[in-house]
Protein backbone atom coordinates (compact mmCIF):
# COMPACT_ATOMS: atom_id res chain seq x y z
CA MET A 1 147.93 10.45 66.96
CA LYS A 2 147.68 6.71 66.44
CA ASP A 3 150.68 6.91 64.10
CA LEU A 4 152.75 8.30 66.99
CA GLU A 5 151.85 5.61 69.53
CA GLY A 6 154.74 3.30 70.30
CA ARG A 7 157.43 5.56 68.85
CA GLU A 8 160.48 5.99 71.02
CA GLY A 9 160.38 9.13 73.15
CA ILE A 10 156.69 9.79 72.48
CA GLU A 11 153.79 9.36 74.88
CA THR A 12 150.19 9.89 73.83
CA HIS A 13 147.35 10.64 76.22
CA ARG A 14 143.66 10.69 75.40
CA LEU A 15 141.88 13.51 77.21
CA ASP A 16 138.38 14.95 77.37
CA VAL A 17 139.36 18.61 77.70
CA LEU A 18 135.89 19.40 79.06
CA ASP A 19 136.52 17.12 82.06
CA VAL A 20 138.03 19.37 84.75
CA ALA A 21 139.21 16.45 86.91
CA ALA A 22 140.85 14.72 83.93
CA VAL A 23 142.73 17.90 83.01
CA ALA A 24 143.99 18.28 86.59
CA ALA A 25 145.01 14.62 86.72
CA LEU A 26 146.93 14.84 83.45
CA ALA A 27 148.78 17.92 84.69
CA THR A 28 150.10 15.91 87.66
CA GLU A 29 151.16 12.99 85.44
CA LEU A 30 153.09 14.93 82.82
CA PRO A 31 156.62 16.29 83.13
CA PRO A 32 157.02 20.03 82.45
CA LEU A 33 156.22 20.79 78.82
CA ASP A 34 158.34 22.81 76.43
CA VAL A 35 155.40 23.24 74.05
CA LEU A 36 151.63 23.24 74.52
CA PHE A 37 149.46 23.23 71.39
CA ASN A 38 145.79 23.85 72.21
CA CYS A 39 143.89 22.48 69.22
CA ALA A 40 140.57 21.00 70.43
CA GLY A 41 137.59 22.75 68.91
CA PHE A 42 134.03 22.77 67.62
CA VAL A 43 132.54 24.64 64.65
CA ALA A 44 128.91 25.64 65.19
CA SER A 45 126.91 26.87 62.22
CA GLY A 46 124.40 29.67 62.45
CA SER A 47 123.91 33.38 62.90
CA LEU A 48 123.11 35.15 66.16
CA LEU A 49 119.42 34.40 65.52
CA THR A 50 119.68 30.84 64.19
CA GLY A 51 122.36 29.42 66.48
CA THR A 52 121.09 27.64 69.58
CA ASP A 53 122.04 28.12 73.21
CA ASP A 54 123.55 24.63 73.10
CA ASP A 55 125.78 25.74 70.19
CA TRP A 56 126.93 28.78 72.17
CA GLU A 57 127.58 26.83 75.36
CA LEU A 58 129.51 24.01 73.67
CA SER A 59 131.48 26.48 71.54
CA MET A 60 132.53 28.54 74.56
CA ALA A 61 133.24 25.46 76.69
CA LEU A 62 135.33 23.62 74.11
CA ASN A 63 136.94 26.46 72.16
CA VAL A 64 137.72 28.81 75.06
CA THR A 65 137.16 27.50 78.58
CA ALA A 66 138.88 24.16 77.97
CA MET A 67 141.88 26.03 76.55
CA VAL A 68 142.00 28.26 79.62
CA ARG A 69 141.83 25.30 82.00
CA LEU A 70 144.44 23.21 80.21
CA THR A 71 146.84 26.13 79.93
CA ARG A 72 146.27 27.11 83.56
CA ALA A 73 146.99 23.53 84.65
CA LEU A 74 150.22 23.16 82.64
CA LEU A 75 151.65 26.69 82.67
CA PRO A 76 153.14 26.71 86.21
CA ALA A 77 155.40 23.75 85.45
CA MET A 78 156.44 25.34 82.15
CA ILE A 79 157.44 28.50 84.02
CA ASP A 80 159.31 26.56 86.72
CA HIS A 81 161.11 24.63 83.97
CA GLY A 82 162.41 27.84 82.38
CA GLY A 83 159.70 28.71 79.88
CA GLY A 84 158.22 27.39 76.68
CA SER A 85 155.88 28.01 73.80
CA ILE A 86 152.07 27.94 73.90
CA ILE A 87 150.29 27.72 70.56
CA ASN A 88 146.54 28.28 70.39
CA MET A 89 144.38 27.30 67.45
CA ALA A 90 142.24 30.28 66.47
CA SER A 91 140.83 31.04 63.01
CA VAL A 92 140.55 33.75 60.41
CA ALA A 93 136.85 33.60 61.40
CA SER A 94 137.42 35.63 64.56
CA SER A 95 138.23 39.25 65.34
CA LEU A 96 140.16 39.17 62.05
CA LYS A 97 137.15 38.57 59.79
CA GLY A 98 133.43 37.99 60.04
CA VAL A 99 132.23 34.85 58.27
CA PRO A 100 128.53 34.29 57.52
CA ASN A 101 126.80 31.74 59.74
CA ARG A 102 129.76 31.26 62.06
CA CYS A 103 128.67 33.64 64.83
CA ALA A 104 129.38 31.43 67.87
CA TYR A 105 132.54 30.01 66.31
CA GLY A 106 133.91 33.41 65.30
CA THR A 107 133.14 34.85 68.72
CA THR A 108 135.03 32.07 70.48
CA LYS A 109 138.00 32.33 68.16
CA ALA A 110 138.14 36.10 68.79
CA ALA A 111 138.29 35.20 72.49
CA VAL A 112 141.18 32.81 71.75
CA ILE A 113 143.10 35.67 70.12
CA GLY A 114 142.47 37.85 73.18
CA LEU A 115 143.58 35.02 75.49
CA THR A 116 146.72 34.50 73.42
CA LYS A 117 147.71 38.16 73.59
CA SER A 118 147.02 38.28 77.34
CA ILE A 119 149.15 35.21 78.07
CA ALA A 120 151.95 36.62 75.90
CA ALA A 121 151.89 39.93 77.78
CA ASP A 122 151.52 38.46 81.26
CA PHE A 123 154.24 35.81 81.05
CA LEU A 124 156.81 37.28 78.67
CA ASP A 125 159.24 37.89 81.52
CA ARG A 126 158.80 34.28 82.68
CA GLY A 127 160.09 32.78 79.44
CA ILE A 128 156.68 31.99 77.98
CA ARG A 129 155.80 32.75 74.37
CA CYS A 130 152.20 32.48 73.21
CA ASN A 131 150.94 32.72 69.64
CA ALA A 132 147.74 31.88 67.77
CA ILE A 133 147.38 30.18 64.41
CA CYS A 134 144.48 31.64 62.39
CA PRO A 135 143.91 29.53 59.29
CA GLY A 136 141.10 29.60 56.82
CA THR A 137 139.24 26.36 56.15
CA VAL A 138 141.37 23.25 56.57
CA ASP A 139 140.56 19.89 54.98
CA SER A 140 139.82 17.60 57.91
CA PRO A 141 137.40 14.89 59.02
CA SER A 142 135.48 17.61 60.88
CA LEU A 143 135.09 19.64 57.68
CA ARG A 144 133.99 16.58 55.71
CA GLN A 145 131.32 15.91 58.34
CA ARG A 146 130.13 19.54 58.23
CA ILE A 147 129.89 19.41 54.43
CA HIS A 148 127.91 16.18 54.65
CA ASP A 149 125.58 17.52 57.35
CA GLN A 150 125.00 20.82 55.55
CA ALA A 151 124.23 19.02 52.29
CA GLN A 152 121.74 16.75 54.08
CA GLN A 153 120.05 19.67 55.87
CA GLN A 154 119.75 21.73 52.70
CA GLY A 155 118.92 18.87 50.33
CA ARG A 156 121.89 19.66 48.09
CA PRO A 157 124.77 17.60 46.73
CA GLU A 158 127.93 17.56 48.84
CA SER A 159 129.93 18.74 45.81
CA GLU A 160 127.90 21.95 45.70
CA VAL A 161 128.42 22.65 49.41
CA GLN A 162 132.14 21.92 49.09
CA ALA A 163 132.37 24.31 46.12
CA GLU A 164 131.01 27.09 48.36
CA PHE A 165 133.71 26.39 50.95
CA LEU A 166 136.36 26.52 48.21
CA ALA A 167 134.97 29.73 46.68
CA ARG A 168 135.64 31.73 49.84
CA GLN A 169 139.28 30.63 50.14
CA PRO A 170 141.73 33.31 48.94
CA LEU A 171 144.05 30.67 47.44
CA GLY A 172 141.17 28.79 45.83
CA ARG A 173 141.80 25.62 47.83
CA LEU A 174 141.52 24.24 51.33
CA GLY A 175 144.44 24.27 53.71
CA THR A 176 146.01 20.97 54.72
CA PRO A 177 146.72 19.64 58.21
CA GLU A 178 150.37 19.38 57.19
CA GLU A 179 150.52 23.12 56.51
CA ILE A 180 149.10 23.86 59.96
CA ALA A 181 151.55 21.39 61.52
CA ALA A 182 154.46 23.15 59.79
CA LEU A 183 153.42 26.50 61.27
CA ALA A 184 152.93 24.95 64.72
CA THR A 185 156.39 23.37 64.46
CA TYR A 186 157.90 26.76 63.64
CA LEU A 187 156.12 28.42 66.57
CA ALA A 188 157.32 25.63 68.87
CA ALA A 189 160.94 25.87 67.74
CA ASP A 190 163.78 28.19 68.69
CA GLU A 191 163.59 29.76 65.21
CA SER A 192 160.52 31.67 66.46
CA ALA A 193 162.14 32.76 69.74
CA TYR A 194 161.48 36.43 68.89
CA THR A 195 157.79 35.82 68.15
CA THR A 196 155.06 36.18 70.78
CA GLY A 197 151.56 37.59 70.97
CA THR A 198 150.88 37.08 67.27
CA ALA A 199 147.65 35.91 65.66
CA ARG A 200 148.26 34.96 62.03
């Protein structure tokens, strides 16, 4: 985002999506949006038995409830403006596939897919398209931190933990942020005007 600051025609806003008042305030400041990309998230590790209540609560709050609130705050202006595209970040770890030790995360991302399909069905006739992106593991600062933390907790080298992440990727490598951005750009653009309610 820092690379975008100061570019002509671009505004950046820093927002704590868990802050209800801040979300409401931002909605009053912004003009109607053509595209909303909901991409804030948290990856909790653990099974149903090993994950903590704090993991569950933060996962639901950040991965689902914040998305609901932000979309609810910005959607009316999008509708009044003639429609637009909403893109929600989900994951292959969701209703699409169970992943070991990602119980809270996978549950929330399944909820995101359900939310996406509901928005698509409810607002199709108002010019709103809504789709979810469901990638595998993407190379990011968040992933690097998880690899580091997991290696520390398990007393193993980071290279060994990273190799396990790579081993479960169908293409044998991590995704890149640029690949996700390209898909988001497609879903935002008129080229995807016939696409709504998808989770891929």
